[in-house]
Amino acid sequence: MSKERVLKEDDYIVSKTDLTGKIIYGNEIFVDFSGYTQDELIGKPHNIIRHPDMPRIVFKLLWERLKNKEEIFAYVKNLSKNGDYYWVFANVTPTIRNGVIIDYHSVRRKPNPEAIKVVSELYKTLVDKEKIGGMNASGEALNNLLKEKGVSYDELISSLQG
């Protein structure tokens, strides 16, 4: 049975990927929480740690932002090699040199536990929508929620972290 692992307040998970999402760097905490060795991680797609509870629409939004040279904040549930899971509050940014994106850099920290209660429910709804109607259905559900609350995606995420 999987169990939740929780980051400490001063834990920062750091990783870098190439332009295709393959891991080119991971700090010690990243390696520890992932449950993989450094050698098992380097060169692998970052989604090696993607938890099935994560809606694909979140990653679609992430990649859209990054390709537009914009940063993004997101709550992410990750899966360790042994089946355990851990939540993070992630900031992902493109590294830009001479106007060109050369890689992506992510810093993750402990999320607000109250936010995880809200996000877990939202993600469950979005995953359920994806199972029925694909990513378009979950995108529509997310947009409807944002419209209903009168906030942007960034405003919602920021308000949850506090």
N, C-alpha and C. Protein backbone atom coordinates (compact mmCIF):
# COMPACT_ATOMS: atom_id res chain seq x y z
N MET A 1 0.84 -1.20 0.00
CA MET A 1 0.00 0.00 0.00
C MET A 1 0.88 1.25 0.00
N SER A 2 0.52 2.21 -0.82
CA SER A 2 1.34 3.41 -0.91
C SER A 2 1.08 4.32 0.27
N LYS A 3 2.12 5.05 0.66
CA LYS A 3 1.96 6.01 1.74
C LYS A 3 2.48 7.36 1.28
N GLU A 4 2.00 8.40 1.93
CA GLU A 4 2.42 9.74 1.58
C GLU A 4 3.71 10.10 2.28
N ARG A 5 4.62 10.69 1.54
CA ARG A 5 5.82 11.27 2.10
C ARG A 5 5.62 12.78 2.07
N VAL A 6 6.11 13.46 3.09
CA VAL A 6 5.89 14.91 3.19
C VAL A 6 7.23 15.63 3.26
N LEU A 7 7.35 16.64 2.43
CA LEU A 7 8.55 17.48 2.45
C LEU A 7 8.61 18.27 3.75
N LYS A 8 9.81 18.54 4.23
CA LYS A 8 10.01 19.44 5.37
C LYS A 8 9.92 20.87 4.85
N GLU A 9 9.69 21.80 5.76
CA GLU A 9 9.55 23.22 5.37
C GLU A 9 10.75 23.73 4.58
N ASP A 10 11.94 23.24 4.93
CA ASP A 10 13.14 23.76 4.27
C ASP A 10 13.69 22.84 3.18
N ASP A 11 12.88 21.86 2.74
CA ASP A 11 13.26 20.99 1.63
C ASP A 11 12.92 21.67 0.31
N TYR A 12 13.86 21.64 -0.61
CA TYR A 12 13.63 22.14 -1.96
C TYR A 12 14.08 21.07 -2.94
N ILE A 13 13.14 20.59 -3.72
CA ILE A 13 13.45 19.63 -4.77
C ILE A 13 13.77 20.43 -6.02
N VAL A 14 14.93 20.15 -6.61
CA VAL A 14 15.36 20.88 -7.79
C VAL A 14 15.69 19.88 -8.90
N SER A 15 15.21 20.18 -10.09
CA SER A 15 15.58 19.36 -11.25
C SER A 15 15.61 20.25 -12.48
N LYS A 16 16.33 19.75 -13.48
CA LYS A 16 16.39 20.41 -14.78
C LYS A 16 16.12 19.36 -15.83
N THR A 17 15.45 19.79 -16.90
CA THR A 17 15.23 18.89 -18.04
C THR A 17 15.70 19.57 -19.31
N ASP A 18 15.94 18.74 -20.31
CA ASP A 18 16.24 19.29 -21.63
C ASP A 18 14.93 19.73 -22.26
N LEU A 19 14.99 20.15 -23.49
CA LEU A 19 13.81 20.68 -24.17
C LEU A 19 12.72 19.64 -24.41
N THR A 20 13.07 18.36 -24.34
CA THR A 20 12.08 17.30 -24.55
C THR A 20 11.54 16.75 -23.23
N GLY A 21 11.98 17.34 -22.10
CA GLY A 21 11.48 16.87 -20.81
C GLY A 21 12.30 15.75 -20.18
N LYS A 22 13.47 15.46 -20.75
CA LYS A 22 14.35 14.44 -20.15
C LYS A 22 15.19 15.07 -19.06
N ILE A 23 15.32 14.37 -17.95
CA ILE A 23 16.04 14.88 -16.78
C ILE A 23 17.53 14.99 -17.08
N ILE A 24 18.09 16.18 -16.82
CA ILE A 24 19.53 16.38 -16.97
C ILE A 24 20.19 16.70 -15.62
N TYR A 25 19.36 16.99 -14.60
CA TYR A 25 19.90 17.25 -13.26
C TYR A 25 18.80 17.00 -12.23
N GLY A 26 19.18 16.46 -11.11
CA GLY A 26 18.27 16.33 -9.96
C GLY A 26 19.08 16.42 -8.69
N ASN A 27 18.65 17.26 -7.75
CA ASN A 27 19.39 17.36 -6.50
C ASN A 27 19.13 16.14 -5.62
N GLU A 28 19.82 16.08 -4.50
CA GLU A 28 19.74 14.92 -3.61
C GLU A 28 18.32 14.65 -3.11
N ILE A 29 17.59 15.70 -2.79
CA ILE A 29 16.22 15.54 -2.28
C ILE A 29 15.32 14.98 -3.39
N PHE A 30 15.53 15.42 -4.62
CA PHE A 30 14.77 14.88 -5.76
C PHE A 30 15.02 13.38 -5.88
N VAL A 31 16.28 13.00 -5.84
CA VAL A 31 16.64 11.59 -5.95
C VAL A 31 16.01 10.80 -4.80
N ASP A 32 16.12 11.33 -3.58
CA ASP A 32 15.57 10.65 -2.40
C ASP A 32 14.06 10.45 -2.52
N PHE A 33 13.33 11.52 -2.82
CA PHE A 33 11.87 11.41 -2.87
C PHE A 33 11.39 10.57 -4.06
N SER A 34 12.12 10.60 -5.15
CA SER A 34 11.71 9.81 -6.31
C SER A 34 11.88 8.31 -6.06
N GLY A 35 12.86 7.97 -5.23
CA GLY A 35 13.14 6.55 -4.98
C GLY A 35 14.02 5.90 -6.03
N TYR A 36 14.39 6.67 -7.04
CA TYR A 36 15.28 6.18 -8.08
C TYR A 36 16.71 6.60 -7.75
N THR A 37 17.68 5.96 -8.36
CA THR A 37 19.06 6.41 -8.24
C THR A 37 19.27 7.54 -9.24
N GLN A 38 20.34 8.28 -9.04
CA GLN A 38 20.70 9.35 -9.98
C GLN A 38 20.83 8.78 -11.39
N ASP A 39 21.50 7.62 -11.51
CA ASP A 39 21.69 7.00 -12.83
C ASP A 39 20.36 6.58 -13.47
N GLU A 40 19.39 6.18 -12.64
CA GLU A 40 18.09 5.78 -13.18
C GLU A 40 17.29 7.00 -13.67
N LEU A 41 17.58 8.17 -13.12
CA LEU A 41 16.83 9.38 -13.46
C LEU A 41 17.39 10.14 -14.66
N ILE A 42 18.71 10.29 -14.70
CA ILE A 42 19.32 11.10 -15.76
C ILE A 42 19.03 10.49 -17.14
N GLY A 43 18.50 11.34 -18.01
CA GLY A 43 18.18 10.91 -19.37
C GLY A 43 16.77 10.35 -19.52
N LYS A 44 16.06 10.17 -18.41
CA LYS A 44 14.69 9.66 -18.46
C LYS A 44 13.70 10.82 -18.54
N PRO A 45 12.53 10.59 -19.13
CA PRO A 45 11.49 11.63 -19.13
C PRO A 45 11.08 11.97 -17.69
N HIS A 46 10.89 13.28 -17.44
CA HIS A 46 10.51 13.71 -16.09
C HIS A 46 9.21 13.04 -15.63
N ASN A 47 8.38 12.64 -16.59
CA ASN A 47 7.11 12.01 -16.22
C ASN A 47 7.29 10.60 -15.64
N ILE A 48 8.53 10.18 -15.45
CA ILE A 48 8.80 8.90 -14.76
C ILE A 48 8.20 8.95 -13.35
N ILE A 49 8.03 10.16 -12.81
CA ILE A 49 7.46 10.30 -11.46
C ILE A 49 6.02 10.81 -11.48
N ARG A 50 5.39 10.81 -12.64
CA ARG A 50 4.00 11.31 -12.73
C ARG A 50 3.05 10.34 -12.05
N HIS A 51 2.25 10.85 -11.17
CA HIS A 51 1.24 10.05 -10.48
C HIS A 51 -0.02 9.98 -11.35
N PRO A 52 -0.68 8.81 -11.38
CA PRO A 52 -1.89 8.70 -12.21
C PRO A 52 -3.05 9.59 -11.75
N ASP A 53 -2.97 10.13 -10.54
CA ASP A 53 -4.01 11.06 -10.07
C ASP A 53 -3.86 12.45 -10.67
N MET A 54 -2.78 12.68 -11.40
CA MET A 54 -2.56 14.00 -12.00
C MET A 54 -3.30 14.13 -13.32
N PRO A 55 -4.11 15.18 -13.45
CA PRO A 55 -4.79 15.41 -14.72
C PRO A 55 -3.79 15.87 -15.79
N ARG A 56 -3.94 15.33 -16.98
CA ARG A 56 -3.05 15.69 -18.08
C ARG A 56 -3.16 17.16 -18.46
N ILE A 57 -4.33 17.76 -18.21
CA ILE A 57 -4.54 19.16 -18.58
C ILE A 57 -3.55 20.07 -17.85
N VAL A 58 -3.15 19.71 -16.64
CA VAL A 58 -2.19 20.52 -15.89
C VAL A 58 -0.85 20.55 -16.63
N PHE A 59 -0.44 19.40 -17.15
CA PHE A 59 0.83 19.35 -17.87
C PHE A 59 0.73 20.01 -19.24
N LYS A 60 -0.44 19.96 -19.85
CA LYS A 60 -0.65 20.67 -21.12
C LYS A 60 -0.46 22.18 -20.89
N LEU A 61 -1.07 22.68 -19.82
CA LEU A 61 -0.95 24.09 -19.46
C LEU A 61 0.52 24.43 -19.16
N LEU A 62 1.19 23.55 -18.43
CA LEU A 62 2.60 23.75 -18.09
C LEU A 62 3.45 23.88 -19.36
N TRP A 63 3.30 22.94 -20.28
CA TRP A 63 4.10 22.98 -21.50
C TRP A 63 3.76 24.19 -22.37
N GLU A 64 2.50 24.59 -22.41
CA GLU A 64 2.13 25.79 -23.18
C GLU A 64 2.84 27.02 -22.63
N ARG A 65 2.82 27.14 -21.30
CA ARG A 65 3.46 28.29 -20.65
C ARG A 65 4.97 28.29 -20.92
N LEU A 66 5.60 27.14 -20.72
CA LEU A 66 7.06 27.06 -20.89
C LEU A 66 7.47 27.40 -22.32
N LYS A 67 6.73 26.88 -23.29
CA LYS A 67 7.07 27.14 -24.69
C LYS A 67 6.88 28.61 -25.07
N ASN A 68 6.04 29.32 -24.28
CA ASN A 68 5.85 30.76 -24.48
C ASN A 68 6.82 31.58 -23.63
N LYS A 69 7.83 30.88 -23.07
CA LYS A 69 8.87 31.53 -22.24
C LYS A 69 8.31 32.13 -20.97
N GLU A 70 7.28 31.48 -20.42
CA GLU A 70 6.64 31.92 -19.18
C GLU A 70 6.84 30.87 -18.09
N GLU A 71 6.91 31.33 -16.85
CA GLU A 71 6.98 30.40 -15.73
C GLU A 71 5.57 29.95 -15.37
N ILE A 72 5.50 28.90 -14.57
CA ILE A 72 4.21 28.43 -14.08
C ILE A 72 4.38 27.86 -12.68
N PHE A 73 3.37 28.05 -11.87
CA PHE A 73 3.28 27.42 -10.55
C PHE A 73 2.17 26.39 -10.62
N ALA A 74 2.38 25.26 -9.95
CA ALA A 74 1.36 24.21 -9.96
C ALA A 74 1.53 23.30 -8.75
N TYR A 75 0.44 22.72 -8.34
CA TYR A 75 0.48 21.65 -7.34
C TYR A 75 0.59 20.35 -8.10
N VAL A 76 1.55 19.52 -7.68
CA VAL A 76 1.79 18.27 -8.40
C VAL A 76 1.91 17.13 -7.40
N LYS A 77 1.20 16.06 -7.71
CA LYS A 77 1.32 14.82 -6.94
C LYS A 77 2.26 13.91 -7.72
N ASN A 78 3.36 13.54 -7.08
CA ASN A 78 4.37 12.70 -7.72
C ASN A 78 4.35 11.30 -7.16
N LEU A 79 4.85 10.36 -7.95
CA LEU A 79 4.89 8.95 -7.60
C LEU A 79 6.33 8.50 -7.44
N SER A 80 6.65 7.94 -6.27
CA SER A 80 7.98 7.37 -6.03
C SER A 80 8.07 5.99 -6.67
N LYS A 81 9.27 5.53 -6.89
CA LYS A 81 9.51 4.23 -7.51
C LYS A 81 8.81 3.11 -6.75
N ASN A 82 8.75 3.21 -5.41
CA ASN A 82 8.15 2.14 -4.60
C ASN A 82 6.64 2.26 -4.45
N GLY A 83 6.02 3.24 -5.13
CA GLY A 83 4.57 3.40 -5.06
C GLY A 83 4.11 4.45 -4.07
N ASP A 84 5.02 4.97 -3.22
CA ASP A 84 4.65 6.06 -2.33
C ASP A 84 4.39 7.31 -3.18
N TYR A 85 3.80 8.33 -2.57
CA TYR A 85 3.55 9.57 -3.31
C TYR A 85 3.89 10.76 -2.43
N TYR A 86 4.05 11.90 -3.10
CA TYR A 86 4.34 13.14 -2.37
C TYR A 86 3.84 14.32 -3.18
N TRP A 87 3.30 15.30 -2.47
CA TRP A 87 2.78 16.51 -3.10
C TRP A 87 3.85 17.59 -3.05
N VAL A 88 3.89 18.40 -4.09
CA VAL A 88 4.81 19.54 -4.13
C VAL A 88 4.08 20.77 -4.68
N PHE A 89 4.60 21.92 -4.29
CA PHE A 89 4.20 23.18 -4.91
C PHE A 89 5.36 23.53 -5.83
N ALA A 90 5.13 23.44 -7.13
CA ALA A 90 6.21 23.55 -8.11
C ALA A 90 6.21 24.90 -8.81
N ASN A 91 7.42 25.38 -9.06
CA ASN A 91 7.65 26.52 -9.93
C ASN A 91 8.54 26.01 -11.05
N VAL A 92 8.06 26.12 -12.28
CA VAL A 92 8.82 25.63 -13.42
C VAL A 92 9.07 26.82 -14.35
N THR A 93 10.32 26.97 -14.75
CA THR A 93 10.70 28.10 -15.59
C THR A 93 11.60 27.64 -16.74
N PRO A 94 11.49 28.32 -17.86
CA PRO A 94 12.44 28.05 -18.94
C PRO A 94 13.74 28.81 -18.66
N THR A 95 14.85 28.21 -18.99
CA THR A 95 16.13 28.91 -18.94
C THR A 95 16.34 29.48 -20.34
N ILE A 96 16.49 30.80 -20.41
CA ILE A 96 16.57 31.47 -21.70
C ILE A 96 17.94 32.13 -21.84
N ARG A 97 18.60 31.83 -22.94
CA ARG A 97 19.89 32.43 -23.23
C ARG A 97 19.84 33.01 -24.64
N ASN A 98 20.15 34.30 -24.75
CA ASN A 98 20.10 34.99 -26.05
C ASN A 98 18.74 34.82 -26.73
N GLY A 99 17.68 34.87 -25.91
CA GLY A 99 16.32 34.79 -26.43
C GLY A 99 15.85 33.39 -26.78
N VAL A 100 16.69 32.38 -26.51
CA VAL A 100 16.36 31.00 -26.87
C VAL A 100 16.26 30.15 -25.61
N ILE A 101 15.22 29.33 -25.54
CA ILE A 101 15.07 28.41 -24.41
C ILE A 101 16.11 27.30 -24.55
N ILE A 102 16.91 27.09 -23.49
CA ILE A 102 17.94 26.04 -23.56
C ILE A 102 17.61 24.84 -22.69
N ASP A 103 16.79 25.04 -21.63
CA ASP A 103 16.33 23.94 -20.79
C ASP A 103 15.24 24.44 -19.86
N TYR A 104 14.76 23.56 -18.99
CA TYR A 104 13.71 23.92 -18.04
C TYR A 104 14.19 23.58 -16.64
N HIS A 105 13.84 24.43 -15.70
CA HIS A 105 14.31 24.33 -14.33
C HIS A 105 13.08 24.32 -13.41
N SER A 106 13.05 23.39 -12.48
CA SER A 106 11.91 23.31 -11.57
C SER A 106 12.40 23.27 -10.13
N VAL A 107 11.76 24.09 -9.30
CA VAL A 107 12.01 24.09 -7.86
C VAL A 107 10.67 23.78 -7.20
N ARG A 108 10.68 22.73 -6.39
CA ARG A 108 9.47 22.32 -5.71
C ARG A 108 9.67 22.38 -4.20
N ARG A 109 8.60 22.79 -3.51
CA ARG A 109 8.66 22.87 -2.05
C ARG A 109 7.39 22.33 -1.44
N LYS A 110 7.37 22.33 -0.12
CA LYS A 110 6.22 21.79 0.59
C LYS A 110 4.99 22.65 0.29
N PRO A 111 3.91 22.01 -0.13
CA PRO A 111 2.68 22.77 -0.40
C PRO A 111 1.91 23.05 0.88
N ASN A 112 1.06 24.03 0.81
CA ASN A 112 0.14 24.31 1.92
C ASN A 112 -0.80 23.11 2.05
N PRO A 113 -0.82 22.45 3.22
CA PRO A 113 -1.67 21.26 3.38
C PRO A 113 -3.16 21.54 3.12
N GLU A 114 -3.61 22.73 3.44
CA GLU A 114 -5.02 23.08 3.17
C GLU A 114 -5.28 23.15 1.67
N ALA A 115 -4.29 23.61 0.92
CA ALA A 115 -4.44 23.68 -0.53
C ALA A 115 -4.57 22.29 -1.13
N ILE A 116 -3.86 21.33 -0.57
CA ILE A 116 -3.88 19.97 -1.11
C ILE A 116 -5.28 19.37 -1.01
N LYS A 117 -6.01 19.71 0.04
CA LYS A 117 -7.39 19.22 0.17
C LYS A 117 -8.24 19.71 -1.01
N VAL A 118 -8.09 20.97 -1.35
CA VAL A 118 -8.85 21.58 -2.45
C VAL A 118 -8.38 21.01 -3.80
N VAL A 119 -7.07 20.98 -3.99
CA VAL A 119 -6.50 20.54 -5.25
C VAL A 119 -6.78 19.06 -5.51
N SER A 120 -6.73 18.25 -4.47
CA SER A 120 -7.02 16.80 -4.63
C SER A 120 -8.40 16.59 -5.22
N GLU A 121 -9.38 17.30 -4.69
CA GLU A 121 -10.75 17.19 -5.20
C GLU A 121 -10.85 17.69 -6.63
N LEU A 122 -10.22 18.83 -6.89
CA LEU A 122 -10.23 19.38 -8.24
C LEU A 122 -9.59 18.41 -9.22
N TYR A 123 -8.43 17.87 -8.88
CA TYR A 123 -7.74 16.95 -9.77
C TYR A 123 -8.54 15.67 -10.00
N LYS A 124 -9.22 15.20 -8.96
CA LYS A 124 -10.06 14.01 -9.13
C LYS A 124 -11.14 14.28 -10.17
N THR A 125 -11.78 15.45 -10.05
CA THR A 125 -12.81 15.84 -11.01
C THR A 125 -12.23 15.92 -12.43
N LEU A 126 -11.06 16.54 -12.56
CA LEU A 126 -10.45 16.71 -13.88
C LEU A 126 -10.05 15.36 -14.48
N VAL A 127 -9.50 14.47 -13.66
CA VAL A 127 -9.13 13.13 -14.16
C VAL A 127 -10.38 12.38 -14.60
N ASP A 128 -11.44 12.47 -13.82
CA ASP A 128 -12.70 11.81 -14.19
C ASP A 128 -13.22 12.35 -15.52
N LYS A 129 -13.14 13.66 -15.71
CA LYS A 129 -13.57 14.28 -16.97
C LYS A 129 -12.71 13.76 -18.13
N GLU A 130 -11.40 13.63 -17.89
CA GLU A 130 -10.50 13.15 -18.94
C GLU A 130 -10.82 11.72 -19.34
N LYS A 131 -11.21 10.90 -18.36
CA LYS A 131 -11.54 9.51 -18.66
C LYS A 131 -12.76 9.41 -19.57
N ILE A 132 -13.66 10.35 -19.43
CA ILE A 132 -14.90 10.34 -20.21
C ILE A 132 -14.73 11.09 -21.54
N GLY A 133 -14.19 12.30 -21.46
CA GLY A 133 -14.17 13.14 -22.66
C GLY A 133 -12.80 13.63 -23.09
N GLY A 134 -11.74 13.06 -22.55
CA GLY A 134 -10.39 13.47 -22.94
C GLY A 134 -9.98 14.79 -22.33
N MET A 135 -8.84 15.26 -22.81
CA MET A 135 -8.27 16.48 -22.25
C MET A 135 -9.14 17.71 -22.51
N ASN A 136 -9.87 17.72 -23.60
CA ASN A 136 -10.77 18.86 -23.86
C ASN A 136 -11.81 18.99 -22.76
N ALA A 137 -12.33 17.86 -22.29
CA ALA A 137 -13.35 17.89 -21.23
C ALA A 137 -12.77 18.41 -19.92
N SER A 138 -11.55 17.99 -19.59
CA SER A 138 -10.97 18.48 -18.33
C SER A 138 -10.57 19.94 -18.46
N GLY A 139 -10.12 20.34 -19.64
CA GLY A 139 -9.80 21.76 -19.86
C GLY A 139 -11.03 22.63 -19.71
N GLU A 140 -12.13 22.16 -20.25
CA GLU A 140 -13.40 22.89 -20.14
C GLU A 140 -13.84 22.98 -18.67
N ALA A 141 -13.69 21.88 -17.93
CA ALA A 141 -14.07 21.87 -16.51
C ALA A 141 -13.20 22.84 -15.71
N LEU A 142 -11.90 22.87 -16.01
CA LEU A 142 -11.00 23.80 -15.31
C LEU A 142 -11.36 25.24 -15.66
N ASN A 143 -11.59 25.53 -16.93
CA ASN A 143 -11.96 26.89 -17.33
C ASN A 143 -13.28 27.32 -16.71
N ASN A 144 -14.25 26.41 -16.63
CA ASN A 144 -15.53 26.73 -16.00
C ASN A 144 -15.35 27.06 -14.52
N LEU A 145 -14.51 26.30 -13.83
CA LEU A 145 -14.25 26.57 -12.41
C LEU A 145 -13.62 27.94 -12.24
N LEU A 146 -12.65 28.26 -13.07
CA LEU A 146 -11.97 29.56 -12.98
C LEU A 146 -12.95 30.70 -13.25
N LYS A 147 -13.79 30.50 -14.27
CA LYS A 147 -14.79 31.51 -14.61
C LYS A 147 -15.77 31.71 -13.45
N GLU A 148 -16.21 30.58 -12.88
CA GLU A 148 -17.15 30.61 -11.76
C GLU A 148 -16.56 31.35 -10.55
N LYS A 149 -15.27 31.16 -10.31
CA LYS A 149 -14.61 31.82 -9.18
C LYS A 149 -14.14 33.23 -9.53
N GLY A 150 -14.16 33.56 -10.83
CA GLY A 150 -13.74 34.89 -11.26
C GLY A 150 -12.25 35.13 -11.11
N VAL A 151 -11.44 34.06 -11.30
CA VAL A 151 -10.00 34.18 -11.15
C VAL A 151 -9.29 33.51 -12.32
N SER A 152 -8.04 33.88 -12.49
CA SER A 152 -7.20 33.20 -13.48
C SER A 152 -6.59 31.96 -12.82
N TYR A 153 -5.99 31.11 -13.62
CA TYR A 153 -5.30 29.94 -13.08
C TYR A 153 -4.25 30.38 -12.06
N ASP A 154 -3.43 31.38 -12.44
CA ASP A 154 -2.37 31.84 -11.55
C ASP A 154 -2.92 32.39 -10.23
N GLU A 155 -4.02 33.14 -10.31
CA GLU A 155 -4.63 33.69 -9.09
C GLU A 155 -5.14 32.56 -8.19
N LEU A 156 -5.75 31.54 -8.77
CA LEU A 156 -6.24 30.41 -7.98
C LEU A 156 -5.08 29.72 -7.26
N ILE A 157 -4.04 29.37 -8.00
CA ILE A 157 -2.91 28.65 -7.42
C ILE A 157 -2.24 29.48 -6.34
N SER A 158 -2.03 30.74 -6.61
CA SER A 158 -1.39 31.64 -5.64
C SER A 158 -2.22 31.77 -4.37
N SER A 159 -3.53 31.91 -4.52
CA SER A 159 -4.40 32.07 -3.34
C SER A 159 -4.42 30.82 -2.47
N LEU A 160 -4.26 29.65 -3.08
CA LEU A 160 -4.26 28.40 -2.31
C LEU A 160 -2.97 28.23 -1.52
N GLN A 161 -1.86 28.69 -2.06
CA GLN A 161 -0.59 28.52 -1.35
C GLN A 161 -0.50 29.49 -0.18
N GLY A 162 -1.14 30.67 -0.32
CA GLY A 162 -1.20 31.61 0.78
C GLY A 162 0.01 32.42 1.04
